[in-house]
Amino acid sequence: MHQYKKALVLGAGRSGRAAEALLRTDGTPAVCICEETTPDYRYEDLHFTPEIAVVSPGFSLDHPWIQDLIAREIPLLSELEFGWSRRHCPVIAVTGSNGKSTVVKWIVDALAQAGQRAIPCGNYGLPVSAAVMLAEIPDWLVIEVSSFQLETIEQFRPDIGVLLNVLPNHLDRHGDMETYRAFKLRLFENMQRSDTAILPFDFFQGLEKSGEKVPGLGTMGRNVPESWGPDAGRSAVTKTFGTEEGADYRFAGGHVGEIDLTETCFDNKVLGAAGAAVAAVCEACGLSPSAVEASARAFQPLPHRMETVAEINGVRFIDDSKATNLAGMCAALRMVSGPVHLIAGGRAKETDLSFAKDLLVKQVSRLYLIGEASEAMQAAWADSVECLPCETLEQAVCAVWESAEPGDTVLLSPACTSFDQFRSFNERGELFAREVCRLKSECVDA
């Protein structure tokens, strides 16, 4: 455990303040700065050279403060890695483009079913730096890890690492898929033989076929491409999951091996594949299939993730406000049957909207567009699906109620962030729920 003489913390949000507190617990003087209108300190007013800069995930590598620190050769340390370096228990880390929070919660619930205490942290739950300061040491830390956090890791190494998927996301920050994918794969780069890496079957197959060498990934006894070199077999044990026949953990017919997921919210190809990943994690933790199944049956979905708000006169309203990218919207559409009235829009992360078009044609009766991305979405999709610009979410709910018929589903799955009109996806989902409840009340009073 390295001790620092003086540290700078970039970001005064939850993770930054937690890192500052952990540094001070270590006896390290720390200065925490942010970009708000009334910061504690301005970066330009700092007259010291820190030994380390702990970086909150909101700061990208091209931020001028980060660029200045790099030029001055001051080491950067992700808040994720700083907290991890002070851990007192094994770590499970989950990354991916979609579904991370649900998988983290399910793993925590499954461990609890088996009598083990796990703390969710990272992007979901406590900051990692706060989790390691808890008075009672847990059996596990289960960390939701973003590509932002992986930008500045050096030694971070989970005991069990899970990559759920790699789909277009955060391209507004990372620039292109190749860069984004490379950051996701950093989750595994420091893994050793005692660790377990869990990846989608089709993704791992692509690595094998291409002969690409990914530091930290072993091959589970499969044929090792010569280009991987003699050290390839010295890395993590690698397990695969998915819906394909060759996966080590496969969701098929409502089951993952002995685990029965029928009549749970995971009994579909999208969440069922996630269930296969959870099964792989839990076996690596030594849990029985019964603990995984019991936790699935008791699972309470997180807010704003395919959450049924109400059914009014046969029309079902679903809040999936957490879908902040196109891949999340597409996953939501695959989980809904029957005619769909889709509310989408906000501040887009992506510029290429074309890959969603075929699914929209198959699933969506009408598209209601809100926010900054409304014009771009209409330009991309209007030749394939009927689009109605609505500007605000309130207007969209009113418009959809005039069109929806019994048996239809109204789905809020925006494929965009909320920051053009809301403070968060939570606020957006809460407004949707209020508007739906208002409709329901009007129907009752009528």
Protein backbone atom coordinates (compact mmCIF):
# COMPACT_ATOMS: atom_id res chain seq x y z
CA MET A 1 0.00 0.00 0.00
CA HIS A 2 1.70 3.18 -1.21
CA GLN A 3 1.62 6.28 1.01
CA TYR A 4 1.67 9.69 -0.66
CA LYS A 5 3.17 12.96 0.59
CA LYS A 6 0.55 15.18 -1.03
CA ALA A 7 -2.31 14.46 -3.41
CA LEU A 8 -4.60 16.34 -5.75
CA VAL A 9 -8.16 15.08 -6.28
CA LEU A 10 -9.93 16.11 -9.49
CA GLY A 11 -13.68 16.18 -8.99
CA ALA A 12 -15.67 17.11 -5.90
CA GLY A 13 -18.62 14.80 -6.47
CA ARG A 14 -19.30 11.61 -4.54
CA SER A 15 -16.26 9.73 -5.81
CA GLY A 16 -13.90 12.71 -5.46
CA ARG A 17 -14.98 13.45 -1.90
CA ALA A 18 -14.68 9.77 -1.00
CA ALA A 19 -11.14 9.68 -2.42
CA GLU A 20 -10.24 12.82 -0.46
CA ALA A 21 -11.56 11.24 2.75
CA LEU A 22 -9.64 8.02 2.13
CA LEU A 23 -6.43 9.96 1.45
CA ARG A 24 -6.82 11.87 4.70
CA THR A 25 -7.50 8.59 6.53
CA ASP A 26 -4.14 7.43 5.16
CA GLY A 27 -2.55 10.58 6.55
CA THR A 28 -2.08 12.14 3.11
CA PRO A 29 -2.75 15.89 2.74
CA ALA A 30 -5.17 16.28 -0.15
CA VAL A 31 -6.67 19.15 -2.12
CA CYS A 32 -9.97 18.47 -3.90
CA ILE A 33 -10.94 20.72 -6.82
CA CYS A 34 -13.85 20.83 -9.23
CA GLU A 35 -15.18 22.93 -12.09
CA GLU A 36 -18.25 24.30 -10.35
CA THR A 37 -18.84 28.04 -10.17
CA THR A 38 -17.70 28.18 -6.53
CA PRO A 39 -14.90 25.58 -6.22
CA ASP A 40 -12.86 25.13 -3.07
CA TYR A 41 -9.77 25.98 -5.12
CA ARG A 42 -9.11 26.99 -8.70
CA TYR A 43 -6.67 24.80 -10.60
CA GLU A 44 -4.71 27.89 -11.64
CA ASP A 45 -4.28 28.90 -7.98
CA LEU A 46 -2.63 25.65 -6.87
CA HIS A 47 0.98 26.34 -5.93
CA PHE A 48 2.23 22.87 -5.16
CA THR A 49 3.27 19.78 -7.05
CA PRO A 50 1.24 16.75 -5.96
CA GLU A 51 2.84 13.32 -5.86
CA ILE A 52 -0.34 11.83 -7.30
CA ALA A 53 -3.58 13.06 -8.89
CA VAL A 54 -6.66 10.97 -8.13
CA VAL A 55 -9.09 11.38 -11.03
CA SER A 56 -12.88 11.15 -10.83
CA PRO A 57 -14.53 9.49 -13.86
CA GLY A 58 -16.02 12.76 -15.11
CA PHE A 59 -12.58 13.96 -16.25
CA SER A 60 -11.59 12.73 -19.70
CA LEU A 61 -7.99 12.29 -20.80
CA ASP A 62 -8.23 15.34 -23.08
CA HIS A 63 -9.37 17.68 -20.28
CA PRO A 64 -6.90 20.61 -20.01
CA TRP A 65 -6.17 19.88 -16.34
CA ILE A 66 -5.38 16.27 -17.16
CA GLN A 67 -3.22 17.32 -20.10
CA ASP A 68 -1.30 19.71 -17.85
CA LEU A 69 -0.70 16.99 -15.24
CA ILE A 70 0.50 14.60 -17.94
CA ALA A 71 2.89 17.26 -19.29
CA ARG A 72 4.26 17.74 -15.77
CA GLU A 73 4.67 13.95 -15.44
CA ILE A 74 2.43 13.75 -12.39
CA PRO A 75 0.96 10.23 -12.14
CA LEU A 76 -2.80 9.90 -12.63
CA LEU A 77 -4.74 7.40 -10.55
CA SER A 78 -8.37 6.46 -11.12
CA GLU A 79 -10.55 6.81 -8.01
CA LEU A 80 -11.58 3.24 -8.74
CA GLU A 81 -7.99 2.02 -8.50
CA PHE A 82 -7.14 4.12 -5.45
CA GLY A 83 -10.09 2.66 -3.55
CA TRP A 84 -9.28 -0.85 -4.79
CA SER A 85 -5.69 -0.50 -3.56
CA ARG A 86 -7.06 -0.19 0.00
CA ARG A 87 -9.42 -3.20 -0.23
CA HIS A 88 -9.70 -5.81 2.52
CA CYS A 89 -11.62 -8.50 0.63
CA PRO A 90 -11.82 -10.04 -2.87
CA VAL A 91 -13.32 -8.04 -5.74
CA ILE A 92 -15.80 -8.80 -8.51
CA ALA A 93 -15.80 -6.18 -11.29
CA VAL A 94 -18.50 -5.86 -13.96
CA THR A 95 -18.19 -3.71 -17.07
CA GLY A 96 -20.05 -3.48 -20.38
CA SER A 97 -22.19 -1.13 -22.41
CA ASN A 98 -25.55 -2.16 -20.93
CA GLY A 99 -26.93 -4.12 -18.00
CA LYS A 100 -24.12 -3.53 -15.50
CA SER A 101 -26.19 -2.30 -12.55
CA THR A 102 -28.73 -5.11 -12.86
CA VAL A 103 -25.96 -7.73 -12.93
CA VAL A 104 -24.15 -6.14 -9.97
CA LYS A 105 -27.36 -6.12 -7.93
CA TRP A 106 -28.14 -9.74 -8.84
CA ILE A 107 -24.64 -10.89 -7.85
CA VAL A 108 -24.96 -9.07 -4.51
CA ASP A 109 -28.39 -10.65 -3.95
CA ALA A 110 -27.11 -14.14 -4.83
CA LEU A 111 -24.19 -13.78 -2.42
CA ALA A 112 -26.64 -12.67 0.27
CA GLN A 113 -28.77 -15.77 -0.42
CA ALA A 114 -25.64 -17.81 0.30
CA GLY A 115 -25.03 -15.95 3.58
CA GLN A 116 -22.22 -13.74 2.31
CA ARG A 117 -22.08 -9.95 2.63
CA ALA A 118 -21.27 -8.06 -0.55
CA ILE A 119 -21.12 -4.29 -1.08
CA PRO A 120 -22.15 -2.85 -4.46
CA CYS A 121 -19.87 0.02 -5.38
CA GLY A 122 -18.32 1.97 -8.23
CA ASN A 123 -20.88 3.40 -10.66
CA TYR A 124 -23.66 1.71 -8.70
CA GLY A 125 -23.75 1.98 -4.93
CA LEU A 126 -20.92 3.55 -2.93
CA PRO A 127 -17.77 4.98 -4.47
CA VAL A 128 -15.05 2.35 -4.13
CA SER A 129 -13.05 4.70 -1.88
CA ALA A 130 -16.03 4.89 0.49
CA ALA A 131 -16.72 1.13 0.42
CA VAL A 132 -13.21 0.29 1.64
CA MET A 133 -13.66 2.59 4.65
CA LEU A 134 -16.70 0.72 6.02
CA ALA A 135 -16.23 -0.39 9.62
CA GLU A 136 -17.43 -3.93 8.90
CA ILE A 137 -15.30 -5.66 6.27
CA PRO A 138 -17.55 -7.42 3.71
CA ASP A 139 -16.92 -10.78 2.07
CA TRP A 140 -16.88 -9.17 -1.39
CA LEU A 141 -16.81 -5.85 -3.17
CA VAL A 142 -18.90 -5.97 -6.35
CA ILE A 143 -17.85 -3.03 -8.51
CA GLU A 144 -19.66 -1.60 -11.52
CA VAL A 145 -16.84 -0.32 -13.72
CA SER A 146 -17.19 2.18 -16.57
CA SER A 147 -14.89 2.85 -19.49
CA PHE A 148 -14.29 6.30 -17.94
CA GLN A 149 -12.80 4.67 -14.83
CA LEU A 150 -10.69 2.28 -16.89
CA GLU A 151 -8.98 5.14 -18.75
CA THR A 152 -6.49 5.79 -15.94
CA ILE A 153 -5.94 2.43 -14.24
CA GLU A 154 -2.45 0.97 -13.88
CA GLN A 155 -2.60 -2.00 -11.51
CA PHE A 156 -6.33 -2.57 -10.96
CA ARG A 157 -7.00 -6.30 -10.96
CA PRO A 158 -10.32 -7.88 -9.94
CA ASP A 159 -10.41 -11.46 -8.69
CA ILE A 160 -13.38 -12.01 -11.00
CA GLY A 161 -13.88 -9.73 -14.00
CA VAL A 162 -16.97 -9.68 -16.21
CA LEU A 163 -17.40 -8.06 -19.62
CA LEU A 164 -21.13 -8.14 -20.43
CA ASN A 165 -21.08 -6.62 -23.92
CA VAL A 166 -19.34 -4.03 -26.08
CA LEU A 167 -21.86 -1.94 -28.01
CA PRO A 168 -21.77 1.64 -29.28
CA ASN A 169 -21.69 3.90 -26.22
CA HIS A 170 -19.87 7.00 -24.93
CA LEU A 171 -18.50 7.69 -28.42
CA ASP A 172 -19.01 11.38 -27.66
CA ARG A 173 -16.10 10.98 -25.21
CA HIS A 174 -14.00 8.14 -26.63
CA GLY A 175 -14.28 9.12 -30.29
CA ASP A 176 -14.61 5.68 -31.89
CA MET A 177 -15.49 2.08 -31.13
CA GLU A 178 -11.89 0.89 -31.30
CA THR A 179 -10.85 3.23 -28.46
CA TYR A 180 -13.96 2.44 -26.42
CA ARG A 181 -13.42 -1.32 -26.83
CA ALA A 182 -9.76 -1.00 -25.84
CA PHE A 183 -10.71 0.72 -22.58
CA LYS A 184 -13.25 -2.00 -21.78
CA LEU A 185 -10.63 -4.70 -22.27
CA ARG A 186 -8.34 -2.99 -19.78
CA LEU A 187 -10.46 -4.67 -17.09
CA PHE A 188 -8.46 -7.86 -17.72
CA GLU A 189 -4.97 -6.58 -18.43
CA ASN A 190 -3.46 -7.26 -14.99
CA MET A 191 -5.21 -10.58 -14.34
CA GLN A 192 -3.28 -13.63 -13.14
CA ARG A 193 -3.80 -17.39 -13.10
CA SER A 194 -5.74 -17.24 -9.83
CA ASP A 195 -8.32 -14.86 -11.37
CA THR A 196 -11.39 -15.53 -13.51
CA ALA A 197 -12.32 -13.60 -16.66
CA ILE A 198 -15.90 -13.93 -17.94
CA LEU A 199 -16.76 -12.78 -21.47
CA PRO A 200 -19.57 -13.13 -24.03
CA PHE A 201 -19.08 -16.25 -26.14
CA ASP A 202 -19.34 -14.44 -29.48
CA PHE A 203 -16.91 -11.74 -28.36
CA PHE A 204 -14.34 -14.28 -27.17
CA GLN A 205 -14.74 -16.24 -30.40
CA GLY A 206 -13.90 -13.07 -32.29
CA LEU A 207 -10.71 -12.67 -30.26
CA GLU A 208 -9.67 -16.25 -30.98
CA LYS A 209 -10.36 -16.00 -34.70
CA SER A 210 -8.50 -12.72 -35.07
CA GLY A 211 -5.52 -13.92 -33.05
CA GLU A 212 -5.65 -10.64 -31.12
CA LYS A 213 -3.61 -10.74 -27.94
CA VAL A 214 -5.43 -9.23 -24.96
CA PRO A 215 -3.25 -8.92 -21.86
CA GLY A 216 -4.62 -10.89 -18.92
CA LEU A 217 -6.86 -13.24 -20.88
CA GLY A 218 -6.20 -16.96 -20.84
CA THR A 219 -7.80 -19.52 -23.14
CA MET A 220 -9.38 -22.16 -20.93
CA GLY A 221 -7.61 -24.99 -22.73
CA ARG A 222 -8.68 -23.84 -26.17
CA ASN A 223 -6.17 -23.63 -29.01
CA VAL A 224 -3.89 -20.67 -28.33
CA PRO A 225 -3.00 -18.66 -31.44
CA GLU A 226 0.76 -18.60 -31.89
CA SER A 227 0.66 -14.80 -32.03
CA TRP A 228 -0.43 -14.75 -28.36
CA GLY A 229 3.03 -16.00 -27.38
CA PRO A 230 4.20 -18.33 -24.60
CA ASP A 231 2.78 -16.20 -21.77
CA ALA A 232 -0.84 -16.56 -22.91
CA GLY A 233 -1.49 -19.58 -20.71
CA ARG A 234 -0.22 -17.81 -17.61
CA SER A 235 -3.18 -15.45 -17.42
CA ALA A 236 -6.71 -15.70 -16.02
CA VAL A 237 -9.03 -18.66 -16.32
CA THR A 238 -11.50 -17.61 -19.04
CA LYS A 239 -15.18 -18.54 -19.05
CA THR A 240 -17.76 -17.66 -21.69
CA PHE A 241 -21.51 -17.04 -21.48
CA GLY A 242 -24.38 -16.34 -23.85
CA THR A 243 -27.23 -17.97 -25.73
CA GLU A 244 -24.99 -19.85 -28.19
CA GLU A 245 -24.41 -23.60 -28.01
CA GLY A 246 -20.66 -23.31 -27.45
CA ALA A 247 -20.88 -21.05 -24.39
CA ASP A 248 -19.64 -22.44 -21.08
CA TYR A 249 -22.73 -20.93 -19.40
CA ARG A 250 -25.70 -20.88 -21.76
CA PHE A 251 -29.20 -19.48 -21.42
CA ALA A 252 -31.66 -21.64 -23.35
CA GLY A 253 -35.28 -22.57 -22.79
CA GLY A 254 -35.55 -20.44 -19.68
CA HIS A 255 -32.62 -22.18 -17.98
CA VAL A 256 -28.90 -21.74 -17.38
CA GLY A 257 -27.84 -25.28 -16.62
CA GLU A 258 -29.65 -26.27 -13.41
CA ILE A 259 -30.85 -22.71 -12.81
CA ASP A 260 -34.51 -22.25 -13.71
CA LEU A 261 -35.27 -18.66 -14.73
CA THR A 262 -38.76 -19.29 -16.11
CA GLU A 263 -41.42 -16.92 -14.77
CA THR A 264 -38.76 -14.42 -13.68
CA CYS A 265 -37.91 -11.09 -15.30
CA PHE A 266 -34.79 -12.78 -16.72
CA ASP A 267 -36.69 -15.24 -18.92
CA ASN A 268 -35.79 -13.58 -22.22
CA LYS A 269 -32.73 -13.63 -24.46
CA VAL A 270 -31.47 -10.22 -23.34
CA LEU A 271 -31.60 -10.70 -19.56
CA GLY A 272 -31.19 -14.46 -19.84
CA ALA A 273 -27.71 -13.94 -21.29
CA ALA A 274 -26.96 -11.72 -18.30
CA GLY A 275 -28.18 -14.58 -16.13
CA ALA A 276 -25.60 -16.85 -17.75
CA ALA A 277 -22.90 -14.32 -16.80
CA VAL A 278 -24.19 -14.21 -13.22
CA ALA A 279 -24.14 -18.02 -13.08
CA ALA A 280 -20.49 -17.97 -14.14
CA VAL A 281 -19.62 -15.42 -11.47
CA CYS A 282 -21.46 -17.28 -8.75
CA GLU A 283 -19.81 -20.60 -9.56
CA ALA A 284 -16.43 -18.86 -9.41
CA CYS A 285 -17.45 -17.60 -5.94
CA GLY A 286 -18.38 -21.13 -4.87
CA LEU A 287 -22.15 -20.52 -4.78
CA SER A 288 -24.72 -23.19 -5.53
CA PRO A 289 -27.16 -22.88 -8.47
CA SER A 290 -30.00 -22.73 -5.93
CA ALA A 291 -28.69 -19.40 -4.55
CA VAL A 292 -28.67 -17.91 -8.06
CA GLU A 293 -32.18 -19.15 -8.79
CA ALA A 294 -33.58 -17.97 -5.45
CA SER A 295 -32.09 -14.52 -5.92
CA ALA A 296 -33.57 -14.33 -9.45
CA ARG A 297 -37.04 -15.15 -8.16
CA ALA A 298 -36.81 -12.56 -5.38
CA PHE A 299 -35.16 -9.94 -7.59
CA GLN A 300 -36.59 -6.41 -7.44
CA PRO A 301 -35.62 -4.56 -10.65
CA LEU A 302 -33.82 -1.27 -10.27
CA PRO A 303 -35.85 1.89 -10.94
CA HIS A 304 -36.12 3.16 -14.51
CA ARG A 305 -34.97 -0.12 -16.05
CA MET A 306 -37.88 -1.77 -17.88
CA GLU A 307 -40.10 -0.82 -14.95
CA THR A 308 -43.83 -1.18 -15.51
CA VAL A 309 -45.41 2.05 -14.30
CA ALA A 310 -49.07 1.26 -14.93
CA GLU A 311 -51.59 -0.37 -17.23
CA ILE A 312 -54.41 1.92 -18.29
CA ASN A 313 -57.34 0.57 -20.30
CA GLY A 314 -55.17 -2.26 -21.61
CA VAL A 315 -52.20 -0.03 -22.50
CA ARG A 316 -48.97 -0.87 -20.66
CA PHE A 317 -46.54 1.93 -19.78
CA ILE A 318 -42.86 1.00 -19.25
CA ASP A 319 -40.15 3.29 -17.89
CA ASP A 320 -36.72 2.46 -19.30
CA SER A 321 -35.24 5.91 -18.80
CA LYS A 322 -31.86 4.34 -17.97
CA ALA A 323 -31.46 3.41 -21.66
CA THR A 324 -29.06 6.24 -22.50
CA ASN A 325 -27.67 4.74 -25.72
CA LEU A 326 -29.01 3.07 -28.86
CA ALA A 327 -27.94 -0.40 -27.73
CA GLY A 328 -29.98 0.00 -24.53
CA MET A 329 -33.02 1.06 -26.52
CA CYS A 330 -32.63 -1.93 -28.85
CA ALA A 331 -32.33 -4.29 -25.88
CA ALA A 332 -35.55 -2.86 -24.44
CA LEU A 333 -37.41 -3.33 -27.71
CA ARG A 334 -36.33 -6.98 -27.85
CA MET A 335 -37.91 -7.54 -24.44
CA VAL A 336 -41.33 -6.18 -25.44
CA SER A 337 -43.93 -8.04 -27.47
CA GLY A 338 -46.83 -6.56 -29.42
CA PRO A 339 -47.19 -3.05 -30.89
CA VAL A 340 -44.84 -0.51 -29.30
CA HIS A 341 -45.19 3.26 -29.06
CA LEU A 342 -41.63 4.38 -28.40
CA ILE A 343 -40.63 7.67 -26.74
CA ALA A 344 -36.99 8.47 -27.55
CA GLY A 345 -34.62 11.40 -27.65
CA GLY A 346 -32.51 13.64 -25.45
CA ARG A 347 -28.80 14.40 -25.79
CA ALA A 348 -27.28 11.82 -28.12
CA LYS A 349 -24.04 9.97 -27.39
CA GLU A 350 -23.80 8.65 -30.95
CA THR A 351 -24.04 10.12 -34.43
CA ASP A 352 -24.63 6.90 -36.43
CA LEU A 353 -28.26 5.97 -35.80
CA SER A 354 -28.62 3.56 -38.70
CA PHE A 355 -28.04 0.24 -36.93
CA ALA A 356 -31.32 0.59 -34.97
CA LYS A 357 -33.48 1.07 -38.06
CA ASP A 358 -34.30 -2.58 -38.84
CA LEU A 359 -35.45 -3.25 -35.28
CA LEU A 360 -37.57 -0.10 -35.22
CA VAL A 361 -39.35 -1.25 -38.39
CA LYS A 362 -40.14 -4.63 -36.82
CA GLN A 363 -41.17 -3.46 -33.35
CA VAL A 364 -42.39 0.14 -33.35
CA SER A 365 -45.82 1.37 -34.43
CA ARG A 366 -44.98 5.02 -33.89
CA LEU A 367 -42.00 6.99 -32.60
CA TYR A 368 -42.40 10.07 -30.38
CA LEU A 369 -39.28 12.25 -30.38
CA ILE A 370 -38.12 14.64 -27.64
CA GLY A 371 -35.11 16.79 -26.86
CA GLU A 372 -31.94 17.75 -28.75
CA ALA A 373 -31.71 14.55 -30.80
CA SER A 374 -35.24 14.82 -32.15
CA GLU A 375 -34.27 16.24 -35.56
CA ALA A 376 -31.38 13.81 -36.10
CA MET A 377 -33.55 10.83 -35.16
CA GLN A 378 -36.33 11.95 -37.46
CA ALA A 379 -33.87 12.40 -40.34
CA ALA A 380 -32.44 8.91 -39.74
CA TRP A 381 -35.67 6.99 -39.21
CA ALA A 382 -38.65 8.84 -40.71
CA ASP A 383 -38.44 6.91 -43.98
CA SER A 384 -38.98 3.64 -42.09
CA VAL A 385 -41.20 4.41 -39.10
CA GLU A 386 -43.76 7.13 -38.40
CA CYS A 387 -42.12 9.86 -36.32
CA LEU A 388 -43.88 12.56 -34.31
CA PRO A 389 -41.73 15.42 -32.94
CA CYS A 390 -43.01 16.28 -29.46
CA GLU A 391 -40.29 18.51 -27.98
CA THR A 392 -41.00 17.61 -24.33
CA LEU A 393 -41.74 14.38 -22.48
CA GLU A 394 -45.06 15.73 -21.23
CA GLN A 395 -46.18 16.40 -24.82
CA ALA A 396 -45.04 12.93 -25.87
CA VAL A 397 -47.10 11.22 -23.16
CA CYS A 398 -50.19 13.22 -24.17
CA ALA A 399 -49.66 12.40 -27.86
CA VAL A 400 -49.11 8.70 -27.27
CA TRP A 401 -52.27 8.43 -25.16
CA GLU A 402 -54.30 9.73 -28.11
CA SER A 403 -52.91 6.96 -30.36
CA ALA A 404 -52.36 3.88 -28.17
CA GLU A 405 -54.93 1.09 -28.17
CA PRO A 406 -55.58 -1.84 -25.79
CA GLY A 407 -52.77 -4.38 -26.13
CA ASP A 408 -50.17 -1.73 -27.03
CA THR A 409 -47.06 -0.90 -25.00
CA VAL A 410 -45.81 2.63 -24.41
CA LEU A 411 -42.07 2.45 -23.88
CA LEU A 412 -39.86 5.30 -22.66
CA SER A 413 -36.42 4.13 -23.83
CA PRO A 414 -34.71 7.33 -24.95
CA ALA A 415 -31.37 6.06 -26.40
CA CYS A 416 -29.91 9.37 -25.16
CA THR A 417 -28.72 11.01 -21.99
CA SER A 418 -31.16 13.28 -20.18
CA PHE A 419 -28.94 16.32 -19.72
CA ASP A 420 -30.62 18.52 -22.32
CA GLN A 421 -33.86 18.74 -20.32
CA PHE A 422 -33.24 16.95 -16.99
CA ARG A 423 -30.60 16.61 -14.29
CA SER A 424 -30.53 12.82 -14.58
CA PHE A 425 -32.23 9.78 -16.12
CA ASN A 426 -33.92 9.33 -12.72
CA GLU A 427 -35.61 12.72 -12.97
CA ARG A 428 -36.70 11.91 -16.54
CA GLY A 429 -38.21 8.59 -15.46
CA GLU A 430 -39.94 10.16 -12.47
CA LEU A 431 -41.60 12.76 -14.70
CA PHE A 432 -42.77 9.99 -17.04
CA ALA A 433 -44.28 8.11 -14.08
CA ARG A 434 -46.06 11.24 -12.83
CA GLU A 435 -47.56 11.91 -16.26
CA VAL A 436 -48.75 8.31 -16.56
CA CYS A 437 -50.26 8.43 -13.06
CA ARG A 438 -52.02 11.66 -14.04
CA LEU A 439 -53.54 9.87 -17.06
CA LYS A 440 -54.64 7.00 -14.86
CA SER A 441 -56.26 9.35 -12.38
CA GLU A 442 -58.12 11.15 -15.17
CA CYS A 443 -59.41 7.81 -16.49
CA VAL A 444 -60.67 6.82 -13.04
CA ASP A 445 -62.39 10.18 -12.53
CA ALA A 446 -63.97 10.17 -15.99
